[in-house]
Amino acid sequence: MFRPALILLITLIFSALTCSAQCPSDKYQWDLSVSYGYMNTGISYTDASQDGNKSISRYPQPVFFTVRYFLYNRLAISIATGVASEQGKYFDPNNLTAQAGTYSASSTTVAVELYYVYHFRKYVEVYTFAGAGPSFANMTSTYASPGFGFPSETGSNTILKGQYTPLGIRLGGRLGAYAEAGYGYKGIVNAGISFKLGPTCWWKDDFR
């Protein structure tokens, strides 16, 4: 279960160390990143009749692609888009030990984020960000017996989701690895790699 996450972590650390000699970008530059996260809550969607009888068997593991543009050395605005999926079981509301069916849910989220770097060192950035945007959710349920009174069904809805990440750390130069801790559509923890476009180095500038 944890082997893919371990392989990803080793890859990220190796990337950061081997590319640290390159310069990260400055203001008016772009940062492209891909991340993989973990949630400890399920995908929100309209399913009031059965929500209390639901058990999550596979929590969402969101994958996001983020495009960030630096307005200043420390401040950037981002567009993030990502997907997450969840699987679980439904139980008989009259006997919560009896499985009534299964379900699967997925969501696609598009969000705008505001990103602030509050600590610089060479090849190290410590930052925070917050974001919000619509999430398009889909759910499919299949019940083992119609006697439970709930037919098999599919559904979809759109809700507003947010993300607040009080702590993120990026290591490396133009190509770097990062890890974040927060809460929201990217999960409680996530990690990834990013590539910064631009010819300059922030530590060579006088206007930080």
C-alpha atoms as a PDB file:
ATOM      1  CA  MET A   1       0.000   0.000   0.000  1.00  0.00           C
ATOM      2  CA  PHE A   2       2.802   2.405   0.927  1.00  0.00           C
ATOM      3  CA  ARG A   3       5.306   1.237  -1.719  1.00  0.00           C
ATOM      4  CA  PRO A   4       4.232   3.753  -4.435  1.00  0.00           C
ATOM      5  CA  ALA A   5       4.431   6.613  -1.920  1.00  0.00           C
ATOM      6  CA  LEU A   6       7.935   5.485  -0.831  1.00  0.00           C
ATOM      7  CA  ILE A   7       9.138   5.286  -4.434  1.00  0.00           C
ATOM      8  CA  LEU A   8       7.729   8.777  -5.096  1.00  0.00           C
ATOM      9  CA  LEU A   9       9.449  10.203  -2.003  1.00  0.00           C
ATOM     10  CA  ILE A  10      12.833   8.727  -2.995  1.00  0.00           C
ATOM     11  CA  THR A  11      12.422  10.114  -6.511  1.00  0.00           C
ATOM     12  CA  LEU A  12      11.591  13.586  -5.192  1.00  0.00           C
ATOM     13  CA  ILE A  13      14.599  13.691  -2.870  1.00  0.00           C
ATOM     14  CA  PHE A  14      16.925  12.484  -5.635  1.00  0.00           C
ATOM     15  CA  SER A  15      15.567  15.110  -8.038  1.00  0.00           C
ATOM     16  CA  ALA A  16      16.091  17.913  -5.550  1.00  0.00           C
ATOM     17  CA  LEU A  17      19.647  16.897  -4.723  1.00  0.00           C
ATOM     18  CA  THR A  18      20.793  16.341  -8.298  1.00  0.00           C
ATOM     19  CA  CYS A  19      19.290  19.605  -9.587  1.00  0.00           C
ATOM     20  CA  SER A  20      20.125  21.946  -6.718  1.00  0.00           C
ATOM     21  CA  ALA A  21      22.930  23.631  -8.660  1.00  0.00           C
ATOM     22  CA  GLN A  22      20.374  25.263 -10.956  1.00  0.00           C
ATOM     23  CA  CYS A  23      18.753  28.609 -10.174  1.00  0.00           C
ATOM     24  CA  PRO A  24      15.093  28.941  -9.208  1.00  0.00           C
ATOM     25  CA  SER A  25      13.094  31.621 -10.962  1.00  0.00           C
ATOM     26  CA  ASP A  26      12.405  35.195  -9.920  1.00  0.00           C
ATOM     27  CA  LYS A  27       9.332  37.424  -9.957  1.00  0.00           C
ATOM     28  CA  TYR A  28       7.351  37.506 -13.212  1.00  0.00           C
ATOM     29  CA  GLN A  29       8.280  33.858 -13.742  1.00  0.00           C
ATOM     30  CA  TRP A  30       6.329  30.589 -13.857  1.00  0.00           C
ATOM     31  CA  ASP A  31       6.368  27.480 -11.671  1.00  0.00           C
ATOM     32  CA  LEU A  32       4.820  24.216 -12.895  1.00  0.00           C
ATOM     33  CA  SER A  33       4.194  21.450 -10.358  1.00  0.00           C
ATOM     34  CA  VAL A  34       2.611  18.017  -9.980  1.00  0.00           C
ATOM     35  CA  SER A  35       1.598  16.617  -6.588  1.00  0.00           C
ATOM     36  CA  TYR A  36       0.188  13.468  -5.004  1.00  0.00           C
ATOM     37  CA  GLY A  37      -1.705  13.625  -1.713  1.00  0.00           C
ATOM     38  CA  TYR A  38      -3.768  11.811   0.877  1.00  0.00           C
ATOM     39  CA  MET A  39      -7.137  12.730   2.433  1.00  0.00           C
ATOM     40  CA  ASN A  40      -8.583  11.401   5.672  1.00  0.00           C
ATOM     41  CA  THR A  41     -12.131  12.390   4.681  1.00  0.00           C
ATOM     42  CA  GLY A  42     -14.258  11.358   1.745  1.00  0.00           C
ATOM     43  CA  ILE A  43     -15.405  13.231  -1.322  1.00  0.00           C
ATOM     44  CA  SER A  44     -18.441  15.401  -0.602  1.00  0.00           C
ATOM     45  CA  TYR A  45     -21.498  14.800  -2.765  1.00  0.00           C
ATOM     46  CA  THR A  46     -25.278  14.758  -2.433  1.00  0.00           C
ATOM     47  CA  ASP A  47     -26.303  11.419  -0.979  1.00  0.00           C
ATOM     48  CA  ALA A  48     -28.270  12.303   2.156  1.00  0.00           C
ATOM     49  CA  SER A  49     -30.340   9.097   2.275  1.00  0.00           C
ATOM     50  CA  GLN A  50     -27.347   6.835   2.771  1.00  0.00           C
ATOM     51  CA  ASP A  51     -24.531   9.049   4.013  1.00  0.00           C
ATOM     52  CA  GLY A  52     -24.825   7.872   7.615  1.00  0.00           C
ATOM     53  CA  ASN A  53     -24.561   4.208   6.562  1.00  0.00           C
ATOM     54  CA  LYS A  54     -21.405   4.684   4.513  1.00  0.00           C
ATOM     55  CA  SER A  55     -17.988   3.176   5.209  1.00  0.00           C
ATOM     56  CA  ILE A  56     -14.960   4.333   3.193  1.00  0.00           C
ATOM     57  CA  SER A  57     -12.695   1.476   2.121  1.00  0.00           C
ATOM     58  CA  ARG A  58     -10.290   3.567   0.001  1.00  0.00           C
ATOM     59  CA  TYR A  59      -9.731   7.201   0.862  1.00  0.00           C
ATOM     60  CA  PRO A  60      -9.118   9.720  -1.932  1.00  0.00           C
ATOM     61  CA  GLN A  61      -5.527  10.249  -3.049  1.00  0.00           C
ATOM     62  CA  PRO A  62      -5.687  13.489  -5.046  1.00  0.00           C
ATOM     63  CA  VAL A  63      -3.363  14.182  -7.970  1.00  0.00           C
ATOM     64  CA  PHE A  64      -2.977  17.861  -8.886  1.00  0.00           C
ATOM     65  CA  PHE A  65      -1.271  19.918 -11.577  1.00  0.00           C
ATOM     66  CA  THR A  66      -0.572  23.527 -10.566  1.00  0.00           C
ATOM     67  CA  VAL A  67       0.541  26.497 -12.668  1.00  0.00           C
ATOM     68  CA  ARG A  68       1.920  29.308 -10.524  1.00  0.00           C
ATOM     69  CA  TYR A  69       2.934  32.833 -11.590  1.00  0.00           C
ATOM     70  CA  PHE A  70       5.116  34.974  -9.329  1.00  0.00           C
ATOM     71  CA  LEU A  71       3.918  38.570  -9.039  1.00  0.00           C
ATOM     72  CA  TYR A  72       6.820  39.296  -6.672  1.00  0.00           C
ATOM     73  CA  ASN A  73       9.640  37.201  -5.239  1.00  0.00           C
ATOM     74  CA  ARG A  74       7.441  36.104  -2.354  1.00  0.00           C
ATOM     75  CA  LEU A  75       3.915  36.315  -3.760  1.00  0.00           C
ATOM     76  CA  ALA A  76       2.351  34.207  -6.502  1.00  0.00           C
ATOM     77  CA  ILE A  77      -1.072  33.372  -7.865  1.00  0.00           C
ATOM     78  CA  SER A  78      -1.910  29.857  -9.054  1.00  0.00           C
ATOM     79  CA  ILE A  79      -4.416  27.801 -10.983  1.00  0.00           C
ATOM     80  CA  ALA A  80      -4.660  24.200  -9.757  1.00  0.00           C
ATOM     81  CA  THR A  81      -6.643  21.336 -11.241  1.00  0.00           C
ATOM     82  CA  GLY A  82      -6.804  17.801  -9.934  1.00  0.00           C
ATOM     83  CA  VAL A  83      -8.740  14.568  -9.578  1.00  0.00           C
ATOM     84  CA  ALA A  84      -9.513  12.261  -6.667  1.00  0.00           C
ATOM     85  CA  SER A  85     -11.428   9.003  -6.300  1.00  0.00           C
ATOM     86  CA  GLU A  86     -12.994   7.110  -3.407  1.00  0.00           C
ATOM     87  CA  GLN A  87     -14.504   3.661  -2.872  1.00  0.00           C
ATOM     88  CA  GLY A  88     -16.611   2.286  -0.056  1.00  0.00           C
ATOM     89  CA  LYS A  89     -19.515   0.234   1.196  1.00  0.00           C
ATOM     90  CA  TYR A  90     -23.098   0.842   2.271  1.00  0.00           C
ATOM     91  CA  PHE A  91     -24.663  -1.001   5.186  1.00  0.00           C
ATOM     92  CA  ASP A  92     -28.243  -1.922   6.006  1.00  0.00           C
ATOM     93  CA  PRO A  93     -29.598   1.005   8.092  1.00  0.00           C
ATOM     94  CA  ASN A  94     -31.443  -1.568  10.254  1.00  0.00           C
ATOM     95  CA  ASN A  95     -28.373  -3.786  10.695  1.00  0.00           C
ATOM     96  CA  LEU A  96     -25.070  -1.958  10.344  1.00  0.00           C
ATOM     97  CA  THR A  97     -23.140  -5.236  10.277  1.00  0.00           C
ATOM     98  CA  ALA A  98     -24.823  -6.289   7.004  1.00  0.00           C
ATOM     99  CA  GLN A  99     -23.420  -4.888   3.780  1.00  0.00           C
ATOM    100  CA  ALA A 100     -26.108  -3.492   1.498  1.00  0.00           C
ATOM    101  CA  GLY A 101     -23.964  -2.473  -1.467  1.00  0.00           C
ATOM    102  CA  THR A 102     -20.912  -0.655  -2.732  1.00  0.00           C
ATOM    103  CA  TYR A 103     -20.229   2.763  -4.166  1.00  0.00           C
ATOM    104  CA  SER A 104     -17.514   4.725  -5.935  1.00  0.00           C
ATOM    105  CA  ALA A 105     -17.076   8.480  -6.142  1.00  0.00           C
ATOM    106  CA  SER A 106     -14.758  10.794  -8.039  1.00  0.00           C
ATOM    107  CA  SER A 107     -14.208  14.526  -8.228  1.00  0.00           C
ATOM    108  CA  THR A 108     -12.465  17.042 -10.453  1.00  0.00           C
ATOM    109  CA  THR A 109     -11.468  20.306  -8.792  1.00  0.00           C
ATOM    110  CA  VAL A 110     -10.336  23.596 -10.353  1.00  0.00           C
ATOM    111  CA  ALA A 111      -9.114  26.235  -7.911  1.00  0.00           C
ATOM    112  CA  VAL A 112      -7.404  29.605  -7.673  1.00  0.00           C
ATOM    113  CA  GLU A 113      -4.651  29.832  -5.046  1.00  0.00           C
ATOM    114  CA  LEU A 114      -2.694  32.629  -3.403  1.00  0.00           C
ATOM    115  CA  TYR A 115       0.856  31.570  -2.502  1.00  0.00           C
ATOM    116  CA  TYR A 116       3.294  33.351  -0.175  1.00  0.00           C
ATOM    117  CA  VAL A 117       6.940  32.456   0.556  1.00  0.00           C
ATOM    118  CA  TYR A 118       7.777  33.592   4.091  1.00  0.00           C
ATOM    119  CA  HIS A 119      11.318  32.182   4.383  1.00  0.00           C
ATOM    120  CA  PHE A 120      14.112  32.055   1.831  1.00  0.00           C
ATOM    121  CA  ARG A 121      17.432  30.271   1.919  1.00  0.00           C
ATOM    122  CA  LYS A 122      19.506  29.160  -1.004  1.00  0.00           C
ATOM    123  CA  TYR A 123      17.729  26.110  -2.493  1.00  0.00           C
ATOM    124  CA  VAL A 124      15.085  26.197   0.286  1.00  0.00           C
ATOM    125  CA  GLU A 125      11.682  27.914   0.306  1.00  0.00           C
ATOM    126  CA  VAL A 126       9.187  27.753   3.181  1.00  0.00           C
ATOM    127  CA  TYR A 127       5.728  28.905   2.181  1.00  0.00           C
ATOM    128  CA  THR A 128       1.987  28.921   2.807  1.00  0.00           C
ATOM    129  CA  PHE A 129      -1.019  29.143   0.505  1.00  0.00           C
ATOM    130  CA  ALA A 130      -4.806  29.114   0.424  1.00  0.00           C
ATOM    131  CA  GLY A 131      -7.192  28.397  -2.426  1.00  0.00           C
ATOM    132  CA  ALA A 132     -10.793  27.744  -3.388  1.00  0.00           C
ATOM    133  CA  GLY A 133     -12.775  26.638  -6.411  1.00  0.00           C
ATOM    134  CA  PRO A 134     -15.553  24.399  -7.755  1.00  0.00           C
ATOM    135  CA  SER A 135     -15.389  20.631  -7.452  1.00  0.00           C
ATOM    136  CA  PHE A 136     -17.406  18.449  -9.844  1.00  0.00           C
ATOM    137  CA  ALA A 137     -18.330  15.187  -8.109  1.00  0.00           C
ATOM    138  CA  ASN A 138     -19.790  11.957  -9.503  1.00  0.00           C
ATOM    139  CA  MET A 139     -21.068   8.939  -7.563  1.00  0.00           C
ATOM    140  CA  THR A 140     -22.243   5.463  -8.572  1.00  0.00           C
ATOM    141  CA  SER A 141     -23.833   3.044  -6.089  1.00  0.00           C
ATOM    142  CA  THR A 142     -24.823  -0.592  -6.500  1.00  0.00           C
ATOM    143  CA  TYR A 143     -27.022  -2.315  -3.912  1.00  0.00           C
ATOM    144  CA  ALA A 144     -26.921  -6.020  -3.229  1.00  0.00           C
ATOM    145  CA  SER A 145     -30.663  -6.299  -2.625  1.00  0.00           C
ATOM    146  CA  PRO A 146     -33.590  -4.050  -3.595  1.00  0.00           C
ATOM    147  CA  GLY A 147     -35.186  -4.994  -0.304  1.00  0.00           C
ATOM    148  CA  PHE A 148     -33.153  -2.336   1.434  1.00  0.00           C
ATOM    149  CA  GLY A 149     -35.307   0.254  -0.282  1.00  0.00           C
ATOM    150  CA  PHE A 150     -32.510   2.078  -2.116  1.00  0.00           C
ATOM    151  CA  PRO A 151     -32.155   1.462  -5.863  1.00  0.00           C
ATOM    152  CA  SER A 152     -28.801   1.432  -7.602  1.00  0.00           C
ATOM    153  CA  GLU A 153     -28.125   4.908  -8.894  1.00  0.00           C
ATOM    154  CA  THR A 154     -25.693   7.437 -10.272  1.00  0.00           C
ATOM    155  CA  GLY A 155     -25.496  11.093  -9.383  1.00  0.00           C
ATOM    156  CA  SER A 156     -23.435  14.235  -9.741  1.00  0.00           C
ATOM    157  CA  ASN A 157     -23.210  17.677  -8.207  1.00  0.00           C
ATOM    158  CA  THR A 158     -20.921  20.702  -7.916  1.00  0.00           C
ATOM    159  CA  ILE A 159     -19.724  22.155  -4.623  1.00  0.00           C
ATOM    160  CA  LEU A 160     -17.192  24.757  -3.538  1.00  0.00           C
ATOM    161  CA  LYS A 161     -14.011  23.367  -1.984  1.00  0.00           C
ATOM    162  CA  GLY A 162     -11.094  25.066  -0.289  1.00  0.00           C
ATOM    163  CA  GLN A 163      -7.519  24.369   0.718  1.00  0.00           C
ATOM    164  CA  TYR A 164      -5.385  25.913   3.449  1.00  0.00           C
ATOM    165  CA  THR A 165      -1.758  24.854   3.725  1.00  0.00           C
ATOM    166  CA  PRO A 166       0.048  26.556   6.626  1.00  0.00           C
ATOM    167  CA  LEU A 167       3.359  24.833   5.893  1.00  0.00           C
ATOM    168  CA  GLY A 168       5.093  23.856   2.676  1.00  0.00           C
ATOM    169  CA  ILE A 169       8.801  23.249   2.073  1.00  0.00           C
ATOM    170  CA  ARG A 170      10.486  23.198  -1.327  1.00  0.00           C
ATOM    171  CA  LEU A 171      14.055  21.940  -1.822  1.00  0.00           C
ATOM    172  CA  GLY A 172      16.100  22.415  -4.965  1.00  0.00           C
ATOM    173  CA  GLY A 173      16.788  24.905  -7.680  1.00  0.00           C
ATOM    174  CA  ARG A 174      15.029  25.215 -11.003  1.00  0.00           C
ATOM    175  CA  LEU A 175      13.858  21.623 -10.533  1.00  0.00           C
ATOM    176  CA  GLY A 176      12.825  20.907  -6.960  1.00  0.00           C
ATOM    177  CA  ALA A 177      10.867  18.629  -4.664  1.00  0.00           C
ATOM    178  CA  TYR A 178       8.332  19.797  -2.109  1.00  0.00           C
ATOM    179  CA  ALA A 179       6.082  18.537   0.675  1.00  0.00           C
ATOM    180  CA  GLU A 180       3.027  20.228   2.209  1.00  0.00           C
ATOM    181  CA  ALA A 181       0.769  19.804   5.228  1.00  0.00           C
ATOM    182  CA  GLY A 182      -2.720  21.301   5.257  1.00  0.00           C
ATOM    183  CA  TYR A 183      -6.403  20.577   4.841  1.00  0.00           C
ATOM    184  CA  GLY A 184      -8.690  20.637   1.821  1.00  0.00           C
ATOM    185  CA  TYR A 185      -8.892  19.429  -1.764  1.00  0.00           C
ATOM    186  CA  LYS A 186      -5.162  18.568  -1.966  1.00  0.00           C
ATOM    187  CA  GLY A 187      -5.310  16.477   1.202  1.00  0.00           C
ATOM    188  CA  ILE A 188      -3.804  16.683   4.664  1.00  0.00           C
ATOM    189  CA  VAL A 189      -0.366  15.866   3.248  1.00  0.00           C
ATOM    190  CA  ASN A 190       0.956  15.927  -0.286  1.00  0.00           C
ATOM    191  CA  ALA A 191       4.293  15.934  -2.078  1.00  0.00           C
ATOM    192  CA  GLY A 192       5.468  16.609  -5.587  1.00  0.00           C
ATOM    193  CA  ILE A 193       8.005  18.048  -7.982  1.00  0.00           C
ATOM    194  CA  SER A 194       8.084  21.499  -9.549  1.00  0.00           C
ATOM    195  CA  PHE A 195       9.959  23.165 -12.366  1.00  0.00           C
ATOM    196  CA  LYS A 196      10.566  26.924 -12.414  1.00  0.00           C
ATOM    197  CA  LEU A 197      10.919  28.819 -15.669  1.00  0.00           C
ATOM    198  CA  GLY A 198      13.162  31.855 -15.963  1.00  0.00           C
ATOM    199  CA  PRO A 199      16.844  32.783 -16.223  1.00  0.00           C
ATOM    200  CA  THR A 200      17.403  34.625 -12.925  1.00  0.00           C
ATOM    201  CA  CYS A 201      18.216  33.699  -9.334  1.00  0.00           C
ATOM    202  CA  TRP A 202      16.254  35.350  -6.546  1.00  0.00           C
ATOM    203  CA  TRP A 203      19.256  35.548  -4.190  1.00  0.00           C
ATOM    204  CA  LYS A 204      21.109  37.760  -6.681  1.00  0.00           C
ATOM    205  CA  ASP A 205      18.440  40.486  -6.640  1.00  0.00           C
ATOM    206  CA  ASP A 206      18.343  43.600  -4.481  1.00  0.00           C
ATOM    207  CA  PHE A 207      14.547  44.024  -4.333  1.00  0.00           C
ATOM    208  CA  ARG A 208      13.537  41.055  -2.174  1.00  0.00           C
END
